[in-house]
Protein backbone atom coordinates (compact mmCIF):
# COMPACT_ATOMS: atom_id res chain seq x y z
CA UNK A 1 0.06 -0.01 0.07
CA UNK A 2 1.19 3.54 -0.58
CA UNK A 3 2.70 5.39 2.40
CA UNK A 4 -0.22 6.35 4.87
CA UNK A 5 0.79 10.04 6.09
CA UNK A 6 -1.46 12.93 6.47
CA UNK A 7 0.80 14.99 4.33
CA UNK A 8 4.42 15.43 3.12
CA UNK A 9 7.02 18.03 3.22
CA UNK A 10 9.77 17.85 0.70
CA UNK A 11 12.98 19.80 1.70
CA UNK A 12 15.26 21.59 -0.69
CA UNK A 13 13.98 20.91 -4.02
CA UNK A 14 14.17 22.78 -7.43
CA UNK A 15 10.82 23.61 -8.91
CA UNK A 16 10.78 23.15 -12.73
CA UNK A 17 9.26 25.96 -14.65
CA UNK A 18 6.62 24.67 -17.09
CA UNK A 19 4.72 27.62 -18.49
CA UNK A 20 6.63 30.61 -18.06
CA UNK A 21 6.39 30.75 -14.28
CA UNK A 22 8.95 32.27 -12.01
CA UNK A 23 12.00 30.42 -11.48
CA UNK A 24 13.00 30.06 -7.87
CA UNK A 25 16.95 31.16 -7.37
CA UNK A 26 17.60 28.37 -4.89
CA UNK A 27 16.09 25.31 -3.79
CA UNK A 28 12.82 25.58 -1.76
CA UNK A 29 10.80 23.52 0.44
CA UNK A 30 7.19 22.22 -0.58
CA UNK A 31 4.39 21.21 1.84
CA UNK A 32 1.45 19.06 0.73
CA UNK A 33 -1.46 18.92 3.11
CA UNK A 34 -4.93 17.22 2.28
CA UNK A 35 -3.60 16.51 -1.15
CA UNK A 36 -2.84 20.03 -2.12
CA UNK A 37 0.26 22.22 -2.00
CA UNK A 38 -0.19 24.65 0.74
CA UNK A 39 3.08 26.23 1.22
CA UNK A 40 6.26 26.84 -0.87
CA UNK A 41 9.27 28.52 0.41
CA UNK A 42 12.57 28.06 2.36
CA UNK A 43 12.77 26.87 5.79
CA UNK A 44 9.27 25.57 6.21
CA UNK A 45 8.09 24.18 9.58
CA UNK A 46 6.93 20.51 9.52
CA UNK A 47 3.65 20.05 10.92
CA UNK A 48 2.88 17.10 13.36
CA UNK A 49 2.12 13.88 11.50
CA UNK A 50 3.69 14.91 8.17
CA UNK A 51 6.71 12.84 6.51
CA UNK A 52 9.61 14.84 5.91
CA UNK A 53 11.88 13.83 2.70
CA UNK A 54 15.33 15.44 2.03
CA UNK A 55 15.08 16.26 -1.78
CA UNK A 56 18.77 17.14 -1.80
CA UNK A 57 18.34 19.67 -4.56
CA UNK A 58 16.70 17.46 -6.90
CA UNK A 59 14.21 18.59 -9.67
CA UNK A 60 10.27 18.98 -8.78
CA UNK A 61 7.56 18.63 -11.59
CA UNK A 62 3.85 18.01 -11.26
CA UNK A 63 2.83 14.25 -11.81
CA UNK A 64 2.96 12.68 -15.17
CA UNK A 65 -0.20 11.51 -16.69
CA UNK A 66 -0.67 9.04 -19.73
CA UNK A 67 -3.95 10.14 -21.39
CA UNK A 68 -4.51 7.00 -23.14
CA UNK A 69 -3.78 3.48 -21.98
CA UNK A 70 -5.45 0.31 -22.59
CA UNK A 71 -4.51 -0.88 -19.05
CA UNK A 72 -5.40 -4.56 -19.41
CA UNK A 73 -3.95 -5.10 -22.80
CA UNK A 74 -0.69 -3.56 -21.64
CA UNK A 75 -0.67 -5.70 -18.67
CA UNK A 76 -1.32 -8.88 -20.68
CA UNK A 77 1.18 -7.80 -23.33
CA UNK A 78 3.97 -8.22 -20.64
CA UNK A 79 3.16 -11.90 -20.72
CA UNK A 80 2.43 -12.51 -24.40
CA UNK A 81 4.92 -13.40 -27.30
CA UNK A 82 6.61 -10.44 -28.42
CA UNK A 83 6.17 -10.44 -32.26
CA UNK A 84 7.54 -6.56 -32.81
CA UNK A 85 10.72 -7.82 -34.61
CA UNK A 86 8.94 -9.80 -37.31
CA UNK A 87 9.28 -8.30 -40.71
CA UNK A 88 7.54 -10.88 -42.83
CA UNK A 89 4.71 -13.58 -42.75
CA UNK A 90 7.42 -16.21 -43.09
CA UNK A 91 9.11 -15.07 -40.19
CA UNK A 92 5.63 -14.99 -38.31
CA UNK A 93 5.02 -18.63 -39.59
CA UNK A 94 8.68 -19.88 -38.37
CA UNK A 95 8.07 -18.27 -34.94
CA UNK A 96 4.66 -20.00 -34.62
CA UNK A 97 6.03 -23.40 -35.81
CA UNK A 98 8.84 -23.17 -33.29
CA UNK A 99 6.57 -22.38 -30.27
CA UNK A 100 3.92 -25.01 -31.22
CA UNK A 101 6.71 -27.55 -31.52
CA UNK A 102 8.22 -26.47 -28.13
CA UNK A 103 4.74 -26.32 -26.43
CA UNK A 104 2.28 -28.61 -28.11
CA UNK A 105 -1.37 -27.76 -27.53
CA UNK A 106 -0.40 -24.36 -25.65
CA UNK A 107 -2.18 -21.58 -27.21
CA UNK A 108 0.05 -19.00 -28.78
CA UNK A 109 -0.73 -15.29 -28.24
CA UNK A 110 1.50 -12.71 -29.70
CA UNK A 111 1.43 -8.96 -29.97
CA UNK A 112 3.51 -6.32 -31.54
CA UNK A 113 4.23 -7.02 -35.03
CA UNK A 114 3.65 -4.24 -37.93
CA UNK A 115 2.17 -5.96 -40.97
CA UNK A 116 1.23 -2.71 -42.68
CA UNK A 117 4.99 -2.80 -44.18
CA UNK A 118 4.60 -6.48 -45.00
CA UNK A 119 4.67 -6.97 -48.87
CA UNK A 120 1.43 -9.19 -49.04
CA UNK A 121 -1.75 -10.26 -47.33
CA UNK A 122 -1.66 -13.04 -44.92
CA UNK A 123 -4.13 -16.12 -44.77
CA UNK A 124 -5.51 -18.34 -42.23
CA UNK A 125 -4.61 -21.36 -44.37
CA UNK A 126 -0.92 -20.46 -44.35
CA UNK A 127 -1.17 -20.29 -40.32
CA UNK A 128 -2.94 -23.39 -39.96
CA UNK A 129 -0.22 -25.03 -41.74
CA UNK A 130 2.25 -24.60 -39.15
CA UNK A 131 0.02 -24.63 -35.97
CA UNK A 132 -2.35 -27.64 -36.46
CA UNK A 133 -5.13 -27.60 -33.79
CA UNK A 134 -3.11 -25.38 -31.17
CA UNK A 135 -4.92 -21.90 -31.09
CA UNK A 136 -3.00 -19.05 -32.41
CA UNK A 137 -3.69 -15.37 -32.24
CA UNK A 138 -1.14 -12.89 -33.36
CA UNK A 139 -2.47 -9.28 -32.55
CA UNK A 140 -1.08 -6.58 -34.71
CA UNK A 141 0.90 -3.68 -33.19
CA UNK A 142 -1.72 -1.34 -33.48
CA UNK A 143 -4.34 -3.53 -31.88
CA UNK A 144 -6.76 -3.01 -34.80
CA UNK A 145 -6.65 -6.72 -36.24
CA UNK A 146 -5.20 -9.93 -35.41
CA UNK A 147 -4.10 -12.85 -37.65
CA UNK A 148 -5.99 -16.21 -36.20
CA UNK A 149 -5.86 -19.66 -37.34
CA UNK A 150 -8.98 -21.82 -37.65
CA UNK A 151 -8.51 -23.24 -34.14
CA UNK A 152 -8.59 -19.76 -32.71
CA UNK A 153 -11.43 -18.60 -34.95
CA UNK A 154 -13.50 -21.63 -33.53
CA UNK A 155 -12.57 -21.17 -30.04
CA UNK A 156 -13.69 -17.45 -30.18
CA UNK A 157 -16.72 -18.31 -31.98
CA UNK A 158 -15.63 -16.31 -35.16
CA UNK A 159 -16.87 -17.45 -38.59
CA UNK A 160 -14.81 -19.42 -40.87
CA UNK A 161 -12.65 -17.16 -42.98
CA UNK A 162 -9.19 -16.95 -44.61
CA UNK A 163 -8.34 -13.34 -43.69
CA UNK A 164 -7.39 -11.55 -40.69
CA UNK A 165 -9.92 -10.28 -38.15
CA UNK A 166 -10.17 -6.45 -38.37
CA UNK A 167 -11.78 -3.40 -36.35
CA UNK A 168 -15.06 -3.68 -34.62
CA UNK A 169 -15.27 -7.56 -35.12
CA UNK A 170 -11.80 -7.85 -33.50
CA UNK A 171 -12.76 -5.42 -30.60
CA UNK A 172 -15.64 -7.56 -29.88
CA UNK A 173 -13.65 -10.68 -29.90
CA UNK A 174 -10.64 -9.52 -27.97
CA UNK A 175 -12.41 -10.11 -24.47
CA UNK A 176 -12.90 -13.64 -25.34
CA UNK A 177 -9.24 -14.53 -25.42
CA UNK A 178 -9.33 -15.89 -21.93
CA UNK A 179 -11.17 -18.83 -23.39
CA UNK A 180 -8.03 -19.77 -25.13
CA UNK A 181 -5.73 -19.52 -21.93
CA UNK A 182 -8.05 -20.61 -19.20
CA UNK A 183 -6.93 -17.71 -17.04
CA UNK A 184 -7.09 -13.76 -17.35
CA UNK A 185 -3.60 -12.90 -16.66
CA UNK A 186 -4.66 -9.37 -15.70
CA UNK A 187 -5.74 -10.09 -12.06
CA UNK A 188 -5.09 -7.57 -9.29
CA UNK A 189 -1.61 -8.71 -8.69
CA UNK A 190 -0.76 -8.26 -12.27
CA UNK A 191 -2.39 -4.84 -12.43
CA UNK A 192 -0.54 -3.82 -9.24
CA UNK A 193 2.75 -4.56 -10.80
CA UNK A 194 1.84 -2.58 -14.05
CA UNK A 195 0.77 0.46 -11.92
CA UNK A 196 3.88 0.31 -9.72
CA UNK A 197 5.94 0.32 -12.80
CA UNK A 198 4.14 3.30 -14.21
CA UNK A 199 4.71 5.04 -10.77
CA UNK A 200 8.35 4.47 -10.99
CA UNK A 201 8.44 6.46 -14.33
CA UNK A 202 6.78 9.37 -12.53
CA UNK A 203 3.18 8.56 -13.87
CA UNK A 204 0.61 9.71 -11.27
CA UNK A 205 -2.49 9.08 -13.19
CA UNK A 206 -3.81 7.48 -16.45
CA UNK A 207 -6.90 7.53 -18.73
CA UNK A 208 -8.02 3.84 -19.14
CA UNK A 209 -9.62 2.83 -22.46
CA UNK A 210 -9.62 -0.72 -21.77
CA UNK A 211 -12.25 -2.62 -24.09
CA UNK A 212 -13.40 -5.01 -21.33
CA UNK A 213 -14.66 -4.74 -17.81
CA UNK A 214 -16.26 -1.46 -16.33
CA UNK A 215 -16.72 0.31 -13.04
CA UNK A 216 -17.34 -2.87 -10.72
CA UNK A 217 -14.22 -4.46 -11.93
CA UNK A 218 -12.29 -1.42 -11.34
CA UNK A 219 -13.89 -1.12 -7.85
CA UNK A 220 -12.99 -4.98 -7.05
CA UNK A 221 -9.31 -4.38 -8.30
CA UNK A 222 -9.26 -1.04 -6.49
CA UNK A 223 -10.02 -2.84 -3.07
CA UNK A 224 -7.58 -5.62 -3.90
CA UNK A 225 -4.59 -3.20 -3.72
CA UNK A 226 -4.52 -1.31 -7.19
CA UNK A 227 -5.32 1.87 -5.59
CA UNK A 228 -1.93 3.10 -6.39
CA UNK A 229 -2.57 5.91 -9.18
CA UNK A 230 -5.24 8.12 -10.34
CA UNK A 231 -7.39 6.34 -12.86
CA UNK A 232 -10.25 7.80 -15.26
CA UNK A 233 -12.17 4.95 -16.47
CA UNK A 234 -13.59 5.27 -19.91
CA UNK A 235 -16.83 3.37 -21.32
CA UNK A 236 -17.62 2.40 -24.75
CA UNK A 237 -20.91 2.79 -26.62
CA UNK A 238 -22.34 -0.65 -25.84
CA UNK A 239 -22.15 0.27 -22.20
CA UNK A 240 -23.32 3.65 -22.59
CA UNK A 241 -26.96 3.34 -21.18
CA UNK A 242 -26.04 1.19 -18.38
CA UNK A 243 -23.34 3.86 -17.17
CA UNK A 244 -25.86 6.51 -17.38
CA UNK A 245 -28.47 4.44 -15.66
CA UNK A 246 -26.01 3.95 -12.76
CA UNK A 247 -25.57 7.80 -12.48
CA UNK A 248 -22.21 7.92 -13.60
CA UNK A 249 -20.95 11.20 -14.94
CA UNK A 250 -17.47 12.34 -16.09
CA UNK A 251 -15.52 12.90 -12.77
CA UNK A 252 -18.03 10.89 -10.57
CA UNK A 253 -15.91 8.93 -8.06
CA UNK A 254 -16.38 5.19 -8.46
CA UNK A 255 -15.46 4.59 -4.90
CA UNK A 256 -17.52 7.07 -2.74
CA UNK A 257 -15.21 9.54 -0.97
CA UNK A 258 -12.14 8.73 -2.98
CA UNK A 259 -11.32 10.98 -5.92
CA UNK A 260 -8.54 8.96 -7.37
CA UNK A 261 -10.66 6.53 -9.19
CA UNK A 262 -13.60 8.49 -11.38
CA UNK A 263 -15.66 7.93 -14.25
CA UNK A 264 -14.01 9.20 -17.38
CA UNK A 265 -15.31 9.72 -21.06
CA UNK A 266 -17.50 7.79 -23.38
CA UNK A 267 -14.85 6.41 -26.01
CA UNK A 268 -15.93 6.06 -29.65
CA UNK A 269 -13.69 4.55 -32.38
CA UNK A 270 -14.78 6.61 -35.31
CA UNK A 271 -12.26 5.15 -37.80
CA UNK A 272 -9.51 2.39 -38.06
CA UNK A 273 -5.74 2.87 -38.12
CA UNK A 274 -2.95 3.47 -40.60
CA UNK A 275 -1.43 0.15 -40.09
CA UNK A 276 -4.62 -1.68 -41.43
CA UNK A 277 -5.25 1.08 -43.96
CA UNK A 278 -8.64 1.48 -42.46
CA UNK A 279 -8.10 5.11 -41.19
CA UNK A 280 -10.59 7.33 -42.92
CA UNK A 281 -8.71 9.94 -45.30
CA UNK A 282 -9.81 12.50 -47.58
CA UNK A 283 -7.56 10.98 -50.31
CA UNK A 284 -6.86 7.43 -51.32
CA UNK A 285 -3.92 5.32 -49.85
CA UNK A 286 -1.16 4.78 -52.25
CA UNK A 287 -2.15 1.26 -52.68
CA UNK A 288 -5.70 2.10 -52.58
CA UNK A 289 -6.36 0.02 -55.80
CA UNK A 290 -6.24 -3.07 -53.83
CA UNK A 291 -8.34 -2.05 -50.88
CA UNK A 292 -12.03 -2.53 -50.63
CA UNK A 293 -12.26 0.99 -49.38
CA UNK A 294 -9.28 3.11 -50.93
CA UNK A 295 -9.68 5.83 -48.54
CA UNK A 296 -10.49 3.91 -45.57
CA UNK A 297 -13.82 4.57 -44.02
CA UNK A 298 -15.94 5.68 -41.06
CA UNK A 299 -16.86 3.18 -38.51
CA UNK A 300 -20.19 4.40 -38.01
CA UNK A 301 -22.46 6.95 -39.95
CA UNK A 302 -22.40 10.60 -39.22
CA UNK A 303 -25.89 10.71 -37.54
CA UNK A 304 -24.93 7.74 -35.26
CA UNK A 305 -21.81 9.58 -34.36
CA UNK A 306 -23.57 12.63 -33.50
CA UNK A 307 -26.56 10.90 -31.63
CA UNK A 308 -23.86 9.31 -29.36
CA UNK A 309 -22.12 12.50 -28.79
CA UNK A 310 -25.45 14.16 -27.94
CA UNK A 311 -26.60 11.30 -25.60
CA UNK A 312 -23.39 11.49 -23.70
CA UNK A 313 -23.28 15.28 -23.51
CA UNK A 314 -26.88 15.65 -22.19
CA UNK A 315 -25.87 12.98 -19.50
CA UNK A 316 -22.91 14.75 -18.26
CA UNK A 317 -20.29 12.58 -20.00
CA UNK A 318 -17.46 13.99 -21.91
CA UNK A 319 -16.40 12.10 -25.23
CA UNK A 320 -13.15 10.89 -26.41
CA UNK A 321 -13.29 10.39 -30.14
CA UNK A 322 -10.57 8.18 -31.89
CA UNK A 323 -9.96 9.80 -35.11
CA UNK A 324 -6.64 9.10 -36.96
CA UNK A 325 -7.63 10.17 -40.60
CA UNK A 326 -8.21 13.75 -41.78
CA UNK A 327 -11.69 12.68 -42.85
CA UNK A 328 -12.54 11.25 -39.60
CA UNK A 329 -11.25 14.21 -37.68
CA UNK A 330 -13.35 16.46 -39.66
CA UNK A 331 -16.47 14.28 -39.26
CA UNK A 332 -15.91 14.20 -35.62
CA UNK A 333 -15.41 18.02 -35.25
CA UNK A 334 -18.64 18.39 -37.30
CA UNK A 335 -20.42 16.23 -34.58
CA UNK A 336 -18.93 18.08 -31.71
CA UNK A 337 -19.92 21.41 -33.11
CA UNK A 338 -23.56 20.13 -33.66
CA UNK A 339 -24.00 18.84 -30.36
CA UNK A 340 -22.02 20.93 -28.17
CA UNK A 341 -20.25 17.80 -26.50
CA UNK A 342 -16.94 18.30 -24.82
CA UNK A 343 -13.82 16.01 -24.51
CA UNK A 344 -11.25 15.16 -26.69
CA UNK A 345 -9.84 13.98 -30.04
CA UNK A 346 -7.79 10.80 -29.51
CA UNK A 347 -4.88 10.56 -31.97
CA UNK A 348 -5.44 13.19 -34.64
CA UNK A 349 -2.65 11.54 -36.67
CA UNK A 350 -3.18 13.26 -40.09
CA UNK A 351 -4.89 16.62 -39.97
CA UNK A 352 -5.81 19.62 -42.35
CA UNK A 353 -4.61 22.87 -40.73
CA UNK A 354 -8.20 24.43 -40.57
CA UNK A 355 -9.58 21.32 -38.87
CA UNK A 356 -6.62 22.01 -36.09
CA UNK A 357 -7.94 25.61 -35.60
CA UNK A 358 -11.49 24.12 -35.38
CA UNK A 359 -10.30 21.57 -32.85
CA UNK A 360 -9.02 24.45 -30.76
CA UNK A 361 -11.85 26.64 -31.13
CA UNK A 362 -14.16 24.10 -29.75
CA UNK A 363 -12.13 23.68 -26.59
CA UNK A 364 -11.30 20.15 -27.18
CA UNK A 365 -8.28 18.34 -26.10
CA UNK A 366 -5.81 17.07 -28.69
CA UNK A 367 -4.79 13.73 -26.98
CA UNK A 368 -1.84 12.58 -29.01
CA UNK A 369 0.74 9.83 -28.85
CA UNK A 370 4.15 11.01 -30.01
CA UNK A 371 5.79 7.61 -29.86
CA UNK A 372 3.59 6.29 -32.59
CA UNK A 373 5.41 8.58 -34.91
CA UNK A 374 8.72 6.56 -34.60
CA UNK A 375 6.65 3.38 -35.73
CA UNK A 376 4.66 5.26 -38.50
CA UNK A 377 7.25 7.47 -40.04
CA UNK A 378 8.22 5.04 -42.78
CA UNK A 379 4.61 3.59 -43.47
CA UNK A 380 3.28 6.94 -43.76
CA UNK A 381 5.80 7.93 -46.40
CA UNK A 382 4.73 4.66 -48.02
CA UNK A 383 1.17 4.68 -48.16
CA UNK A 384 0.30 8.52 -47.32
CA UNK A 385 2.93 10.23 -49.53
CA UNK A 386 3.12 13.75 -49.33
CA UNK A 387 1.21 13.82 -46.20
CA UNK A 388 4.03 13.66 -43.73
CA UNK A 389 3.98 17.48 -43.23
CA UNK A 390 0.39 17.00 -41.81
CA UNK A 391 1.13 13.92 -39.66
CA UNK A 392 1.57 14.43 -35.91
CA UNK A 393 1.33 18.06 -36.35
CA UNK A 394 1.91 19.12 -32.92
CA UNK A 395 3.49 22.58 -33.72
CA UNK A 396 0.04 23.55 -35.46
CA UNK A 397 -1.89 22.35 -32.36
CA UNK A 398 0.06 24.54 -30.03
CA UNK A 399 -0.16 27.58 -32.63
CA UNK A 400 -3.62 27.20 -32.55
CA UNK A 401 -4.12 27.28 -28.91
CA UNK A 402 -5.39 23.64 -28.69
CA UNK A 403 -5.10 21.88 -25.24
CA UNK A 404 -2.44 19.21 -26.13
CA UNK A 405 -1.87 16.20 -23.96
CA UNK A 406 0.18 13.40 -24.42
CA UNK A 407 -0.25 9.55 -23.83
CA UNK A 408 1.03 6.13 -25.14
CA UNK A 409 -1.90 4.25 -26.41
CA UNK A 410 -0.15 1.32 -24.49
CA UNK A 411 0.32 -1.53 -25.62
CA UNK A 412 0.68 -0.05 -29.11
CA UNK A 413 3.51 1.86 -27.68
CA UNK A 414 5.23 1.40 -24.16
CA UNK A 415 3.55 3.14 -21.03
CA UNK A 416 6.66 5.30 -20.84
CA UNK A 417 6.09 9.19 -20.45
CA UNK A 418 9.55 9.93 -21.28
CA UNK A 419 9.74 8.07 -24.63
CA UNK A 420 6.45 10.02 -25.52
CA UNK A 421 8.11 13.43 -24.48
CA UNK A 422 11.33 12.50 -26.16
CA UNK A 423 9.60 11.48 -29.47
CA UNK A 424 7.75 14.83 -29.57
CA UNK A 425 11.03 16.61 -28.95
CA UNK A 426 13.11 14.92 -31.52
CA UNK A 427 10.67 13.05 -33.83
CA UNK A 428 13.10 10.31 -34.44
CA UNK A 429 14.78 7.17 -33.02
CA UNK A 430 17.95 6.93 -31.06
CA UNK A 431 19.27 4.33 -33.51
CA UNK A 432 18.20 6.10 -36.57
CA UNK A 433 20.87 8.25 -38.23
CA UNK A 434 18.42 10.06 -40.37
CA UNK A 435 17.31 13.76 -39.70
CA UNK A 436 14.10 14.19 -37.36
CA UNK A 437 11.01 13.70 -39.19
CA UNK A 438 9.37 17.02 -40.01
CA UNK A 439 11.10 18.95 -37.28
CA UNK A 440 9.06 21.78 -37.69
CA UNK A 441 6.25 20.15 -35.68
CA UNK A 442 8.67 19.43 -32.80
CA UNK A 443 8.21 20.62 -29.24
CA UNK A 444 10.62 21.95 -27.16
CA UNK A 445 11.28 19.80 -23.81
CA UNK A 446 9.31 22.38 -21.77
CA UNK A 447 6.25 22.31 -24.08
CA UNK A 448 6.29 18.54 -24.06
CA UNK A 449 6.64 18.35 -20.44
CA UNK A 450 3.86 20.69 -19.83
CA UNK A 451 1.76 18.59 -22.02
CA UNK A 452 2.36 15.53 -20.01
CA UNK A 453 1.09 16.87 -16.60
CA UNK A 454 -2.85 16.94 -17.18
CA UNK A 455 -3.09 20.57 -17.64
CA UNK A 456 -1.66 21.08 -13.95
CA UNK A 457 0.49 24.51 -13.51
CA UNK A 458 4.12 24.50 -12.36
CA UNK A 459 4.20 23.29 -8.59
CA UNK A 460 2.89 26.07 -6.62
CA UNK A 461 0.38 26.89 -3.81
CA UNK A 462 -2.89 25.53 -4.53
CA UNK A 463 -1.75 23.04 -7.14
CA UNK A 464 -2.46 19.24 -6.57
CA UNK A 465 -0.25 17.29 -4.37
CA UNK A 466 0.55 14.88 -7.26
CA UNK A 467 4.54 15.41 -7.57
CA UNK A 468 7.67 13.78 -9.22
CA UNK A 469 10.96 14.46 -7.68
CA UNK A 470 13.61 13.90 -10.76
CA UNK A 471 17.30 13.17 -10.30
CA UNK A 472 18.17 15.53 -13.01
CA UNK A 473 16.84 18.69 -14.66
CA UNK A 474 14.38 17.75 -17.60
CA UNK A 475 15.01 21.14 -18.99
CA UNK A 476 18.80 21.25 -18.95
CA UNK A 477 20.35 23.10 -21.98
CA UNK A 478 21.16 20.56 -24.86
CA UNK A 479 23.21 20.96 -28.01
CA UNK A 480 20.62 19.64 -30.15
CA UNK A 481 16.92 18.07 -29.98
CA UNK A 482 18.25 14.71 -30.48
CA UNK A 483 20.65 15.20 -27.37
CA UNK A 484 17.84 16.54 -25.63
CA UNK A 485 15.57 13.50 -26.27
CA UNK A 486 18.28 11.19 -25.30
CA UNK A 487 18.64 12.95 -21.96
CA UNK A 488 15.00 12.90 -21.62
CA UNK A 489 14.85 9.18 -22.17
CA UNK A 490 17.36 8.50 -19.60
CA UNK A 491 15.12 10.42 -16.82
CA UNK A 492 15.51 8.87 -13.24
CA UNK A 493 12.76 9.28 -10.96
CA UNK A 494 13.48 9.57 -7.33
CA UNK A 495 10.11 9.77 -5.99
CA UNK A 496 6.49 9.86 -6.90
CA UNK A 497 3.46 11.31 -4.97
CA UNK A 498 -0.14 11.01 -5.60
CA UNK A 499 -2.39 13.23 -3.17
CA UNK A 500 0.65 13.74 -0.91
CA UNK A 501 1.09 9.79 -0.46
CA UNK A 502 4.49 8.52 -1.73
CA UNK A 503 3.71 5.67 -4.17
CA UNK A 504 7.28 5.14 -5.59
CA UNK A 505 10.82 5.98 -4.07
CA UNK A 506 14.14 5.02 -5.54
CA UNK A 507 16.71 2.75 -3.27
CA UNK A 508 18.61 6.12 -2.33
CA UNK A 509 15.35 8.07 -1.05
């Protein structure tokens, strides 16, 4: 359990400025009482019952948030076969053949490969040839489709076919995967381990967009020791009416008296993904001639999208709308404007500049995942040629005044806020000698950090007592964006605090 104290006093810490706030010339003390920063200054008196921590001149920032996580899938991905290194169907078949031979009859569930860059489509038949009656499910790294063999299709109640399972049909089947393994693998202990790992990286809160489960499941695991971080639980359209009937509104505590676990948004997936070529675009994909829908397509008609937004809005729920393609973004903004709904656009991967302005004018959050650009750079140039200057357009978003917030979309990218921040700053990989990809959209370290703290101000009196103590200055001058990003990826977290309670401390603290 987190340290149970009535408050916390940090001695001699350096407050990192995020938004032009005044910079203290020397380390100061920070007092947290009842979950809020109540005093900042030198030589503060420690109240009775308050833990005191010697910060030793370390750097203090507001707690980090991951604004887009599929927490159950991320937890399970740690236990699944890593397929991220596979570069062809032949490699995938060889991997499956080896695993089936090594563990006959034991289901194979893999995650992480990027078939969008493979040179051909795959079939169920060729997977059957190397797996026999052992169920096999290979989930693509974008989580929008999976390559199953016949045994897995039958076990999950899916119809006979010879192609992969995509989009809504896959999302509906995902929660049935436990039929193959016989155990969930995402019980309270596994969740607790995942949350602790996030806390060790300075994460104090996350937005959970998991497809399965709901409020009852979160309450149960909360009471089973998973009350470590702040969590906003989203819900999908198929559970919207039950959420409304239960009286849940955005911000409603799921456990009475505890503001750390609350109802989040209605999540709507309005289009597909780049990797599956199902993101809805204004122009065809470069290989659109071989696609059933050359420009991708909406997952639901405009009137249905607007009806969902209106229903959620009138019931006190914000809406988080997944929109990766530029056509999907435009249609989503039309629906927000027509209904007055509030919330966010998730991903906004390909945009037209006028729509960025509309997004900002509507007061919506642009919830983006910078680490995706590391994986999608080459594929974007291949199948969205000439559109790279409109992809991951973070600079346009800031210039328009949009409320920019960062996340991971774990397990699509690791639940690692420093990776996301570094990707936004450099727009390139450590091991890639190429120049940054469209550096005109890069953020400064200060901008990227400010987009990672749930719109909290620099630590000051009145700010939340969700704090992270760092072993080095995240805004230290660097010779280049590449060097700044490398330093950010090496960030070491000494202490993580949620509501004034320590939930992680390094060995020397």
